[in-house]
């Protein structure tokens, strides 16, 4: 349990560093992309992320790598750019996950968790009950 918490703390620290980069910092969840989360909920968005990562990022040589992730159209796409999980080059540079081979199950789960943590961070913290 402690090891898992340590990994999540490392992920949060990495996402914070990535968020300081000028290009990454400009991404926010807005409009229709935010409405998808509001209407469908995070569990559905997480399933979408798992599917999109499996098809667009997990292969050893993704089709159109470096250009396969739109800038909008789904909250996962926006989150991928904000978290540097948009292509295999960014995944290698920012997360240390090598390109040129398929992502394993743990790496897929890591990418999905990074995306979902960023999306959840786009919402203000819940107010404590009064």
Foldseek 3Di string as FASTA:
>chain_A
DVVVVVVVVVLVVLLVVLCVPVQLVVQAQDDPQLVCCVVVHLVVLLVVLLVCCVQAEFALDGVPFVPRQDCDDHLLSSLCSNRQVNGQVSCCVRVVDHHRHGDDPVRSVSSSVSSSVVSVVSDDDDDDDD
